[in-house]
N, C-alpha and C. Protein backbone atom coordinates (compact mmCIF):
# COMPACT_ATOMS: atom_id res chain seq x y z
N MET A 1 -106.16 -1.15 -65.23
CA MET A 1 -107.00 -0.30 -64.43
C MET A 1 -106.10 0.43 -63.44
N GLU A 2 -106.32 1.72 -63.34
CA GLU A 2 -105.62 2.56 -62.38
C GLU A 2 -106.67 3.25 -61.52
N LEU A 3 -106.43 3.29 -60.23
CA LEU A 3 -107.29 3.99 -59.29
C LEU A 3 -106.49 5.12 -58.68
N ARG A 4 -106.90 6.34 -58.93
CA ARG A 4 -106.18 7.50 -58.44
C ARG A 4 -106.38 7.65 -56.94
N SER A 5 -105.29 7.75 -56.22
CA SER A 5 -105.36 8.03 -54.79
C SER A 5 -105.21 9.53 -54.59
N SER A 6 -105.45 10.00 -53.40
CA SER A 6 -105.39 11.44 -53.12
C SER A 6 -103.98 12.01 -53.31
N SER A 7 -102.96 11.17 -53.25
CA SER A 7 -101.59 11.65 -53.41
C SER A 7 -101.09 11.56 -54.86
N ASP A 8 -101.87 10.96 -55.77
CA ASP A 8 -101.46 10.81 -57.17
C ASP A 8 -101.68 12.10 -57.95
N VAL A 9 -100.76 12.36 -58.88
CA VAL A 9 -100.91 13.47 -59.82
C VAL A 9 -101.63 12.93 -61.05
N LEU A 10 -102.75 13.54 -61.42
CA LEU A 10 -103.58 13.04 -62.51
C LEU A 10 -102.80 12.92 -63.80
N GLU A 11 -102.01 13.92 -64.15
CA GLU A 11 -101.27 13.91 -65.41
C GLU A 11 -100.30 12.73 -65.48
N THR A 12 -99.71 12.35 -64.36
CA THR A 12 -98.80 11.21 -64.31
C THR A 12 -99.55 9.92 -64.64
N LEU A 13 -100.74 9.77 -64.08
CA LEU A 13 -101.53 8.57 -64.35
C LEU A 13 -102.03 8.55 -65.79
N GLN A 14 -102.39 9.69 -66.34
CA GLN A 14 -102.82 9.75 -67.73
C GLN A 14 -101.68 9.37 -68.67
N THR A 15 -100.48 9.81 -68.35
CA THR A 15 -99.31 9.42 -69.15
C THR A 15 -99.07 7.92 -69.07
N LYS A 16 -99.21 7.37 -67.87
CA LYS A 16 -99.04 5.93 -67.70
C LYS A 16 -100.07 5.15 -68.50
N MET A 17 -101.33 5.62 -68.50
CA MET A 17 -102.37 4.95 -69.27
C MET A 17 -102.03 4.98 -70.76
N GLN A 18 -101.52 6.12 -71.25
CA GLN A 18 -101.16 6.21 -72.66
C GLN A 18 -100.01 5.27 -72.99
N GLU A 19 -99.07 5.11 -72.06
CA GLU A 19 -97.97 4.16 -72.26
C GLU A 19 -98.50 2.73 -72.36
N TYR A 20 -99.48 2.40 -71.53
CA TYR A 20 -100.10 1.07 -71.61
C TYR A 20 -100.69 0.85 -73.00
N MET A 21 -101.42 1.86 -73.49
CA MET A 21 -102.06 1.74 -74.80
C MET A 21 -101.01 1.61 -75.89
N ASP A 22 -99.95 2.39 -75.80
CA ASP A 22 -98.87 2.33 -76.79
C ASP A 22 -98.18 0.97 -76.81
N ASN A 23 -98.28 0.23 -75.71
CA ASN A 23 -97.65 -1.08 -75.61
C ASN A 23 -98.62 -2.23 -75.84
N GLY A 24 -99.80 -1.94 -76.42
CA GLY A 24 -100.68 -3.01 -76.86
C GLY A 24 -101.90 -3.30 -76.02
N VAL A 25 -102.09 -2.59 -74.93
CA VAL A 25 -103.30 -2.80 -74.15
C VAL A 25 -104.50 -2.35 -74.98
N GLN A 26 -105.58 -3.10 -74.93
CA GLN A 26 -106.76 -2.81 -75.74
C GLN A 26 -107.80 -1.96 -75.01
N LEU A 27 -107.83 -2.05 -73.68
CA LEU A 27 -108.84 -1.36 -72.89
C LEU A 27 -108.27 -1.04 -71.52
N GLY A 28 -108.49 0.19 -71.06
CA GLY A 28 -108.02 0.58 -69.74
C GLY A 28 -108.96 1.58 -69.11
N TRP A 29 -108.99 1.58 -67.79
CA TRP A 29 -109.82 2.53 -67.03
C TRP A 29 -108.93 3.28 -66.06
N LEU A 30 -109.13 4.57 -65.99
CA LEU A 30 -108.49 5.41 -64.97
C LEU A 30 -109.63 5.96 -64.11
N ILE A 31 -109.73 5.42 -62.91
CA ILE A 31 -110.81 5.79 -62.00
C ILE A 31 -110.32 6.94 -61.14
N ASN A 32 -111.07 8.04 -61.17
CA ASN A 32 -110.66 9.26 -60.51
C ASN A 32 -111.76 9.72 -59.55
N PRO A 33 -111.75 9.22 -58.32
CA PRO A 33 -112.82 9.59 -57.39
C PRO A 33 -112.78 11.07 -56.99
N GLN A 34 -111.62 11.69 -57.04
CA GLN A 34 -111.52 13.10 -56.66
C GLN A 34 -112.35 13.99 -57.59
N GLN A 35 -112.42 13.66 -58.87
CA GLN A 35 -113.20 14.44 -59.83
C GLN A 35 -114.47 13.72 -60.24
N GLN A 36 -114.77 12.63 -59.58
CA GLN A 36 -115.97 11.83 -59.83
C GLN A 36 -116.10 11.49 -61.31
N GLN A 37 -115.03 10.89 -61.86
CA GLN A 37 -115.06 10.49 -63.25
C GLN A 37 -114.20 9.27 -63.50
N VAL A 38 -114.47 8.63 -64.63
CA VAL A 38 -113.68 7.50 -65.11
C VAL A 38 -113.26 7.82 -66.53
N GLU A 39 -111.97 7.66 -66.82
CA GLU A 39 -111.47 7.82 -68.18
C GLU A 39 -111.32 6.43 -68.77
N VAL A 40 -111.98 6.21 -69.91
CA VAL A 40 -111.94 4.91 -70.57
C VAL A 40 -111.02 5.02 -71.78
N TYR A 41 -110.00 4.19 -71.79
CA TYR A 41 -109.02 4.16 -72.88
C TYR A 41 -109.28 2.92 -73.71
N ARG A 42 -109.46 3.12 -75.03
CA ARG A 42 -109.66 2.01 -75.97
C ARG A 42 -108.67 2.17 -77.11
N ALA A 43 -108.11 1.07 -77.55
CA ALA A 43 -107.13 1.10 -78.64
C ALA A 43 -107.73 1.77 -79.87
N GLY A 44 -107.00 2.73 -80.44
CA GLY A 44 -107.41 3.37 -81.67
C GLY A 44 -108.53 4.39 -81.53
N GLN A 45 -108.90 4.74 -80.30
CA GLN A 45 -110.00 5.68 -80.08
C GLN A 45 -109.57 6.79 -79.13
N SER A 46 -110.32 7.87 -79.15
CA SER A 46 -110.11 8.95 -78.18
C SER A 46 -110.53 8.48 -76.80
N VAL A 47 -109.97 9.11 -75.79
CA VAL A 47 -110.34 8.80 -74.41
C VAL A 47 -111.77 9.25 -74.17
N GLU A 48 -112.56 8.38 -73.57
CA GLU A 48 -113.94 8.70 -73.21
C GLU A 48 -113.97 9.01 -71.72
N ILE A 49 -114.59 10.12 -71.36
CA ILE A 49 -114.69 10.50 -69.95
C ILE A 49 -116.13 10.34 -69.49
N LEU A 50 -116.31 9.51 -68.48
CA LEU A 50 -117.63 9.28 -67.89
C LEU A 50 -117.65 9.94 -66.53
N ARG A 51 -118.63 10.79 -66.31
CA ARG A 51 -118.75 11.47 -65.03
C ARG A 51 -119.85 10.77 -64.22
N TYR A 52 -119.66 10.75 -62.92
CA TYR A 52 -120.68 10.13 -62.09
C TYR A 52 -120.93 11.00 -60.86
N GLY A 53 -122.02 10.73 -60.23
CA GLY A 53 -122.41 11.47 -59.05
C GLY A 53 -123.76 10.97 -58.59
N LEU A 54 -124.32 11.66 -57.65
CA LEU A 54 -125.63 11.27 -57.14
C LEU A 54 -126.70 11.73 -58.09
N SER A 55 -127.59 10.86 -58.43
CA SER A 55 -128.73 11.24 -59.25
C SER A 55 -129.97 10.54 -58.70
N ARG A 56 -131.07 11.21 -58.77
CA ARG A 56 -132.32 10.63 -58.27
C ARG A 56 -133.43 10.94 -59.21
């Protein structure tokens, strides 16, 4: 799991997540509060992007 801080570059974290997957990790989350989304990484699958926000 990676949590993006305001000083992190998104592309750097995405590269790191891909490196984790390449090294055998089965599931990973990249939480990005700046864009109100979570990127879900699963072995052998495309990255799934979940967006969140206020809903009523």
